[in-house]
């Protein structure tokens, strides 16, 4: 399952699994976005290299127009994927709030 939608505040929310099977759908959705873009990844469970490619292509396109991507509410698992791939150096990333034990 993968869902992508624009929230009322203009933020784009992704949920589920962004893998090779869903990358084209995500890319088509993000190709319609102009200017700076905030993507809420709170409910994203998994992202593959194809999903990383979607974010990278979108970021590069928006950067040439003076925008870019900001990723918010990134859970630890997804944040680890960004760190291992070096993508944490490319995007502005805000981690999700963690619950105190």
C-alpha atoms as a PDB file:
ATOM      1  CA  UNK A   1       0.000   0.000   0.000  1.00  0.00           C
ATOM      2  CA  UNK A   2       1.180   3.507  -0.835  1.00  0.00           C
ATOM      3  CA  UNK A   3      -0.704   6.770  -0.492  1.00  0.00           C
ATOM      4  CA  UNK A   4       0.289  10.277  -1.476  1.00  0.00           C
ATOM      5  CA  UNK A   5      -1.920  13.339  -1.033  1.00  0.00           C
ATOM      6  CA  UNK A   6      -1.807  17.063  -0.505  1.00  0.00           C
ATOM      7  CA  UNK A   7      -2.970  18.104   2.963  1.00  0.00           C
ATOM      8  CA  UNK A   8      -5.071  21.261   3.516  1.00  0.00           C
ATOM      9  CA  UNK A   9      -1.974  23.176   4.699  1.00  0.00           C
ATOM     10  CA  UNK A  10      -0.177  22.399   1.403  1.00  0.00           C
ATOM     11  CA  UNK A  11       2.095  19.739   2.880  1.00  0.00           C
ATOM     12  CA  UNK A  12       2.319  16.510   0.912  1.00  0.00           C
ATOM     13  CA  UNK A  13       1.801  13.368   2.989  1.00  0.00           C
ATOM     14  CA  UNK A  14       3.180   9.959   2.046  1.00  0.00           C
ATOM     15  CA  UNK A  15       2.098   6.737   3.731  1.00  0.00           C
ATOM     16  CA  UNK A  16       2.888   3.071   3.313  1.00  0.00           C
ATOM     17  CA  UNK A  17       5.674   1.697   1.131  1.00  0.00           C
ATOM     18  CA  UNK A  18       7.353   3.768  -1.577  1.00  0.00           C
ATOM     19  CA  UNK A  19       9.021   1.078  -3.677  1.00  0.00           C
ATOM     20  CA  UNK A  20       9.676   0.453  -7.376  1.00  0.00           C
ATOM     21  CA  UNK A  21       6.043  -0.532  -7.958  1.00  0.00           C
ATOM     22  CA  UNK A  22       4.786   2.834  -6.668  1.00  0.00           C
ATOM     23  CA  UNK A  23       7.642   5.103  -7.785  1.00  0.00           C
ATOM     24  CA  UNK A  24       5.996   6.160 -11.063  1.00  0.00           C
ATOM     25  CA  UNK A  25       2.790   7.133  -9.255  1.00  0.00           C
ATOM     26  CA  UNK A  26       4.749   9.196  -6.726  1.00  0.00           C
ATOM     27  CA  UNK A  27       6.835  10.829  -9.459  1.00  0.00           C
ATOM     28  CA  UNK A  28       3.744  11.808 -11.458  1.00  0.00           C
ATOM     29  CA  UNK A  29       2.190  13.354  -8.350  1.00  0.00           C
ATOM     30  CA  UNK A  30       5.357  15.261  -7.426  1.00  0.00           C
ATOM     31  CA  UNK A  31       5.922  16.438 -11.013  1.00  0.00           C
ATOM     32  CA  UNK A  32       2.843  18.654 -10.557  1.00  0.00           C
ATOM     33  CA  UNK A  33       4.399  20.411  -7.531  1.00  0.00           C
ATOM     34  CA  UNK A  34       6.013  23.834  -7.966  1.00  0.00           C
ATOM     35  CA  UNK A  35       8.157  25.891  -5.590  1.00  0.00           C
ATOM     36  CA  UNK A  36       9.364  24.782  -2.174  1.00  0.00           C
ATOM     37  CA  UNK A  37       7.750  21.546  -1.056  1.00  0.00           C
ATOM     38  CA  UNK A  38       7.295  20.026   2.397  1.00  0.00           C
ATOM     39  CA  UNK A  39       6.726  16.275   2.507  1.00  0.00           C
ATOM     40  CA  UNK A  40       5.418  14.667   5.696  1.00  0.00           C
ATOM     41  CA  UNK A  41       6.828  11.148   6.015  1.00  0.00           C
ATOM     42  CA  UNK A  42       5.260  10.319   9.382  1.00  0.00           C
ATOM     43  CA  UNK A  43       3.350   7.340   7.969  1.00  0.00           C
ATOM     44  CA  UNK A  44       5.949   6.168   5.450  1.00  0.00           C
ATOM     45  CA  UNK A  45       7.012   2.657   6.463  1.00  0.00           C
ATOM     46  CA  UNK A  46       9.571   1.888   3.762  1.00  0.00           C
ATOM     47  CA  UNK A  47      11.416   3.589   0.923  1.00  0.00           C
ATOM     48  CA  UNK A  48      13.432   1.741  -1.734  1.00  0.00           C
ATOM     49  CA  UNK A  49      16.181   3.061  -3.965  1.00  0.00           C
ATOM     50  CA  UNK A  50      13.484   3.793  -6.550  1.00  0.00           C
ATOM     51  CA  UNK A  51      11.669   5.925  -3.973  1.00  0.00           C
ATOM     52  CA  UNK A  52      14.897   7.727  -3.125  1.00  0.00           C
ATOM     53  CA  UNK A  53      15.288   8.427  -6.835  1.00  0.00           C
ATOM     54  CA  UNK A  54      11.843  10.024  -6.945  1.00  0.00           C
ATOM     55  CA  UNK A  55      12.747  12.359  -4.077  1.00  0.00           C
ATOM     56  CA  UNK A  56      16.124  13.193  -5.637  1.00  0.00           C
ATOM     57  CA  UNK A  57      14.686  13.986  -9.088  1.00  0.00           C
ATOM     58  CA  UNK A  58      11.980  16.149  -7.533  1.00  0.00           C
ATOM     59  CA  UNK A  59      14.473  17.950  -5.306  1.00  0.00           C
ATOM     60  CA  UNK A  60      16.793  18.709  -8.245  1.00  0.00           C
ATOM     61  CA  UNK A  61      13.904  19.991 -10.373  1.00  0.00           C
ATOM     62  CA  UNK A  62      12.614  22.221  -7.597  1.00  0.00           C
ATOM     63  CA  UNK A  63      16.120  23.493  -6.748  1.00  0.00           C
ATOM     64  CA  UNK A  64      16.589  24.791 -10.292  1.00  0.00           C
ATOM     65  CA  UNK A  65      13.397  26.821  -9.785  1.00  0.00           C
ATOM     66  CA  UNK A  66      14.579  28.163  -6.412  1.00  0.00           C
ATOM     67  CA  UNK A  67      12.713  25.647  -4.266  1.00  0.00           C
ATOM     68  CA  UNK A  68      13.593  22.220  -2.956  1.00  0.00           C
ATOM     69  CA  UNK A  69      12.255  19.518  -0.677  1.00  0.00           C
ATOM     70  CA  UNK A  70      11.939  19.592   3.074  1.00  0.00           C
ATOM     71  CA  UNK A  71      11.154  16.255   4.711  1.00  0.00           C
ATOM     72  CA  UNK A  72       9.343  16.382   8.053  1.00  0.00           C
ATOM     73  CA  UNK A  73       8.175  13.867  10.663  1.00  0.00           C
ATOM     74  CA  UNK A  74      10.755  11.356   9.466  1.00  0.00           C
ATOM     75  CA  UNK A  75      10.751   8.222  11.625  1.00  0.00           C
ATOM     76  CA  UNK A  76      13.975   6.584  12.776  1.00  0.00           C
ATOM     77  CA  UNK A  77      13.885   3.760  10.204  1.00  0.00           C
ATOM     78  CA  UNK A  78      13.444   6.111   7.238  1.00  0.00           C
ATOM     79  CA  UNK A  79      15.974   8.547   8.710  1.00  0.00           C
ATOM     80  CA  UNK A  80      18.498   5.680   8.932  1.00  0.00           C
ATOM     81  CA  UNK A  81      17.951   4.925   5.235  1.00  0.00           C
ATOM     82  CA  UNK A  82      18.642   8.584   4.407  1.00  0.00           C
ATOM     83  CA  UNK A  83      21.794   8.518   6.557  1.00  0.00           C
ATOM     84  CA  UNK A  84      23.123   5.250   5.056  1.00  0.00           C
ATOM     85  CA  UNK A  85      22.553   6.536   1.517  1.00  0.00           C
ATOM     86  CA  UNK A  86      23.966  10.008   2.198  1.00  0.00           C
ATOM     87  CA  UNK A  87      20.638  11.624   1.378  1.00  0.00           C
ATOM     88  CA  UNK A  88      20.616  13.257   4.806  1.00  0.00           C
ATOM     89  CA  UNK A  89      23.185  15.673   3.321  1.00  0.00           C
ATOM     90  CA  UNK A  90      20.881  16.617   0.426  1.00  0.00           C
ATOM     91  CA  UNK A  91      17.580  17.375   2.125  1.00  0.00           C
ATOM     92  CA  UNK A  92      16.464  19.428   5.073  1.00  0.00           C
ATOM     93  CA  UNK A  93      15.131  16.686   7.364  1.00  0.00           C
ATOM     94  CA  UNK A  94      13.138  17.032  10.581  1.00  0.00           C
ATOM     95  CA  UNK A  95      12.815  13.878  12.661  1.00  0.00           C
ATOM     96  CA  UNK A  96       9.487  12.783  14.062  1.00  0.00           C
ATOM     97  CA  UNK A  97       8.920  13.435  17.735  1.00  0.00           C
ATOM     98  CA  UNK A  98       9.646  10.349  19.793  1.00  0.00           C
ATOM     99  CA  UNK A  99       7.631   9.155  22.753  1.00  0.00           C
ATOM    100  CA  UNK A 100       9.293   9.234  26.155  1.00  0.00           C
ATOM    101  CA  UNK A 101       9.359   5.935  27.978  1.00  0.00           C
END
